Amino acid sequence: MQKKQGGIDHAAALGMPPELVAMLAAPPRDEPAEEIEVYPENWPALQVFLAMQTQWRVGMAGATGLDYTALPAVFELTGVKKRDRPDTFERLRVLEIETLRVWGEQAKQKT
């Protein structure tokens, strides 16, 4: 448990929103997570986005965006074909921008 607590403390210190820090600290849930529908054309971008969750660039004001240097490896590992990468990247950027927008709104509500 000590190792997990240290990771939670680091996440908070790096500016992770309190709601996400709380999710890290929470014990695993017995009930299944809520299911959402994802359009097939968005599925590759969602897979890439989820695989990139450890790749956020974080500054003094919090997250500023994803670190794209990992993107070629993530495309490869998630099986995104080269011809589909430009479209997948554009869809990934929508997910990234919307995530930053929501985190920004949450930060404003705290102040």
C-alpha atoms as a PDB file:
ATOM      1  CA  MET A   1       0.000   0.000   0.000  1.00  0.00           C
ATOM      2  CA  GLN A   2       2.910   2.356   0.652  1.00  0.00           C
ATOM      3  CA  LYS A   3       3.987   2.210  -3.014  1.00  0.00           C
ATOM      4  CA  LYS A   4       0.459   3.049  -4.197  1.00  0.00           C
ATOM      5  CA  GLN A   5       0.200   5.972  -1.763  1.00  0.00           C
ATOM      6  CA  GLY A   6       3.511   7.370  -3.048  1.00  0.00           C
ATOM      7  CA  GLY A   7       2.184   7.257  -6.618  1.00  0.00           C
ATOM      8  CA  ILE A   8      -1.013   8.997  -5.541  1.00  0.00           C
ATOM      9  CA  ASP A   9       0.990  11.731  -3.793  1.00  0.00           C
ATOM     10  CA  HIS A  10       3.126  12.214  -6.914  1.00  0.00           C
ATOM     11  CA  ALA A  11       0.033  12.421  -9.138  1.00  0.00           C
ATOM     12  CA  ALA A  12      -1.432  15.118  -6.896  1.00  0.00           C
ATOM     13  CA  ALA A  13       1.870  17.021  -6.795  1.00  0.00           C
ATOM     14  CA  LEU A  14       2.025  16.985 -10.603  1.00  0.00           C
ATOM     15  CA  GLY A  15      -1.355  18.677 -10.796  1.00  0.00           C
ATOM     16  CA  MET A  16      -3.619  15.732 -11.590  1.00  0.00           C
ATOM     17  CA  PRO A  17      -7.209  16.804 -10.930  1.00  0.00           C
ATOM     18  CA  PRO A  18      -8.405  15.728  -7.448  1.00  0.00           C
ATOM     19  CA  GLU A  19     -11.165  13.596  -8.970  1.00  0.00           C
ATOM     20  CA  LEU A  20      -8.581  11.492 -10.818  1.00  0.00           C
ATOM     21  CA  VAL A  21      -6.348  11.291  -7.741  1.00  0.00           C
ATOM     22  CA  ALA A  22      -9.376  10.015  -5.803  1.00  0.00           C
ATOM     23  CA  MET A  23      -9.971   7.390  -8.480  1.00  0.00           C
ATOM     24  CA  LEU A  24      -6.367   6.198  -8.066  1.00  0.00           C
ATOM     25  CA  ALA A  25      -6.812   5.959  -4.310  1.00  0.00           C
ATOM     26  CA  ALA A  26     -10.159   4.167  -4.451  1.00  0.00           C
ATOM     27  CA  PRO A  27     -10.293   0.410  -4.005  1.00  0.00           C
ATOM     28  CA  PRO A  28     -11.286  -1.574  -7.103  1.00  0.00           C
ATOM     29  CA  ARG A  29     -15.021  -1.578  -7.751  1.00  0.00           C
ATOM     30  CA  ASP A  30     -17.002  -4.789  -7.757  1.00  0.00           C
ATOM     31  CA  GLU A  31     -19.603  -3.495 -10.184  1.00  0.00           C
ATOM     32  CA  PRO A  32     -18.705  -3.169 -13.865  1.00  0.00           C
ATOM     33  CA  ALA A  33     -17.806   0.254 -15.204  1.00  0.00           C
ATOM     34  CA  GLU A  34     -20.443   2.161 -17.130  1.00  0.00           C
ATOM     35  CA  GLU A  35     -20.495   1.157 -20.771  1.00  0.00           C
ATOM     36  CA  ILE A  36     -20.361   3.793 -23.476  1.00  0.00           C
ATOM     37  CA  GLU A  37     -20.858   3.490 -27.201  1.00  0.00           C
ATOM     38  CA  VAL A  38     -17.958   4.382 -29.466  1.00  0.00           C
ATOM     39  CA  TYR A  39     -18.432   4.801 -33.193  1.00  0.00           C
ATOM     40  CA  PRO A  40     -16.222   2.380 -35.146  1.00  0.00           C
ATOM     41  CA  GLU A  41     -14.363   5.218 -36.884  1.00  0.00           C
ATOM     42  CA  ASN A  42     -13.367   6.604 -33.463  1.00  0.00           C
ATOM     43  CA  TRP A  43     -12.233   3.301 -31.949  1.00  0.00           C
ATOM     44  CA  PRO A  44      -8.565   3.473 -33.097  1.00  0.00           C
ATOM     45  CA  ALA A  45      -8.208   7.029 -31.750  1.00  0.00           C
ATOM     46  CA  LEU A  46      -9.701   5.997 -28.413  1.00  0.00           C
ATOM     47  CA  GLN A  47      -7.311   3.045 -28.169  1.00  0.00           C
ATOM     48  CA  VAL A  48      -4.358   5.353 -28.901  1.00  0.00           C
ATOM     49  CA  PHE A  49      -5.650   7.954 -26.419  1.00  0.00           C
ATOM     50  CA  LEU A  50      -5.958   5.364 -23.652  1.00  0.00           C
ATOM     51  CA  ALA A  51      -2.496   3.994 -24.433  1.00  0.00           C
ATOM     52  CA  MET A  52      -1.081   7.548 -24.232  1.00  0.00           C
ATOM     53  CA  GLN A  53      -2.443   8.242 -20.734  1.00  0.00           C
ATOM     54  CA  THR A  54       1.051   8.137 -19.244  1.00  0.00           C
ATOM     55  CA  GLN A  55       2.312  10.621 -21.833  1.00  0.00           C
ATOM     56  CA  TRP A  56       0.822  13.912 -20.616  1.00  0.00           C
ATOM     57  CA  ARG A  57       3.146  16.905 -20.563  1.00  0.00           C
ATOM     58  CA  VAL A  58       2.655  18.645 -17.234  1.00  0.00           C
ATOM     59  CA  GLY A  59       3.845  22.071 -16.166  1.00  0.00           C
ATOM     60  CA  MET A  60       3.304  24.307 -13.152  1.00  0.00           C
ATOM     61  CA  ALA A  61      -0.266  25.007 -14.297  1.00  0.00           C
ATOM     62  CA  GLY A  62      -1.093  21.337 -14.899  1.00  0.00           C
ATOM     63  CA  ALA A  63      -1.335  19.269 -18.073  1.00  0.00           C
ATOM     64  CA  THR A  64      -0.573  21.103 -21.324  1.00  0.00           C
ATOM     65  CA  GLY A  65      -1.046  18.292 -23.837  1.00  0.00           C
ATOM     66  CA  LEU A  66       0.133  14.865 -24.862  1.00  0.00           C
ATOM     67  CA  ASP A  67       3.792  14.168 -25.585  1.00  0.00           C
ATOM     68  CA  TYR A  68       3.672  13.163 -29.245  1.00  0.00           C
ATOM     69  CA  THR A  69       7.164  11.665 -29.233  1.00  0.00           C
ATOM     70  CA  ALA A  70       5.614   8.388 -28.051  1.00  0.00           C
ATOM     71  CA  LEU A  71       2.989   8.435 -30.789  1.00  0.00           C
ATOM     72  CA  PRO A  72       4.829   6.398 -33.474  1.00  0.00           C
ATOM     73  CA  ALA A  73       5.393   3.535 -31.031  1.00  0.00           C
ATOM     74  CA  VAL A  74       1.804   3.721 -29.774  1.00  0.00           C
ATOM     75  CA  PHE A  75       0.448   3.672 -33.342  1.00  0.00           C
ATOM     76  CA  GLU A  76       2.570   0.589 -34.006  1.00  0.00           C
ATOM     77  CA  LEU A  77       1.585  -1.191 -30.790  1.00  0.00           C
ATOM     78  CA  THR A  78      -2.119  -0.464 -31.194  1.00  0.00           C
ATOM     79  CA  GLY A  79      -2.081  -1.636 -34.808  1.00  0.00           C
ATOM     80  CA  VAL A  80      -2.990   1.642 -36.523  1.00  0.00           C
ATOM     81  CA  LYS A  81      -2.107   1.262 -40.195  1.00  0.00           C
ATOM     82  CA  LYS A  82       0.122   3.950 -41.712  1.00  0.00           C
ATOM     83  CA  ARG A  83      -2.582   5.088 -44.124  1.00  0.00           C
ATOM     84  CA  ASP A  84      -4.984   5.609 -41.169  1.00  0.00           C
ATOM     85  CA  ARG A  85      -2.576   7.547 -38.959  1.00  0.00           C
ATOM     86  CA  PRO A  86      -3.391  11.102 -40.143  1.00  0.00           C
ATOM     87  CA  ASP A  87      -7.112  10.595 -39.480  1.00  0.00           C
ATOM     88  CA  THR A  88      -6.448   8.819 -36.178  1.00  0.00           C
ATOM     89  CA  PHE A  89      -4.144  11.665 -35.124  1.00  0.00           C
ATOM     90  CA  GLU A  90      -6.835  14.271 -35.825  1.00  0.00           C
ATOM     91  CA  ARG A  91      -9.343  12.292 -33.781  1.00  0.00           C
ATOM     92  CA  LEU A  92      -6.773  11.879 -30.993  1.00  0.00           C
ATOM     93  CA  ARG A  93      -6.314  15.656 -30.919  1.00  0.00           C
ATOM     94  CA  VAL A  94     -10.074  16.103 -30.418  1.00  0.00           C
ATOM     95  CA  LEU A  95      -9.904  13.790 -27.388  1.00  0.00           C
ATOM     96  CA  GLU A  96      -6.832  15.614 -26.073  1.00  0.00           C
ATOM     97  CA  ILE A  97      -8.323  19.099 -26.506  1.00  0.00           C
ATOM     98  CA  GLU A  98     -11.627  18.099 -24.924  1.00  0.00           C
ATOM     99  CA  THR A  99      -9.805  16.506 -21.977  1.00  0.00           C
ATOM    100  CA  LEU A 100      -7.794  19.685 -21.434  1.00  0.00           C
ATOM    101  CA  ARG A 101     -10.981  21.763 -21.674  1.00  0.00           C
ATOM    102  CA  VAL A 102     -12.743  19.649 -19.025  1.00  0.00           C
ATOM    103  CA  TRP A 103      -9.693  19.707 -16.743  1.00  0.00           C
ATOM    104  CA  GLY A 104      -9.545  23.495 -17.153  1.00  0.00           C
ATOM    105  CA  GLU A 105     -13.193  23.865 -16.182  1.00  0.00           C
ATOM    106  CA  GLN A 106     -12.646  21.632 -13.160  1.00  0.00           C
ATOM    107  CA  ALA A 107      -9.656  23.732 -12.107  1.00  0.00           C
ATOM    108  CA  LYS A 108     -11.732  26.941 -12.356  1.00  0.00           C
ATOM    109  CA  GLN A 109     -14.445  25.427 -10.169  1.00  0.00           C
ATOM    110  CA  LYS A 110     -11.870  24.733  -7.439  1.00  0.00           C
ATOM    111  CA  THR A 111     -10.871  28.391  -7.194  1.00  0.00           C
END
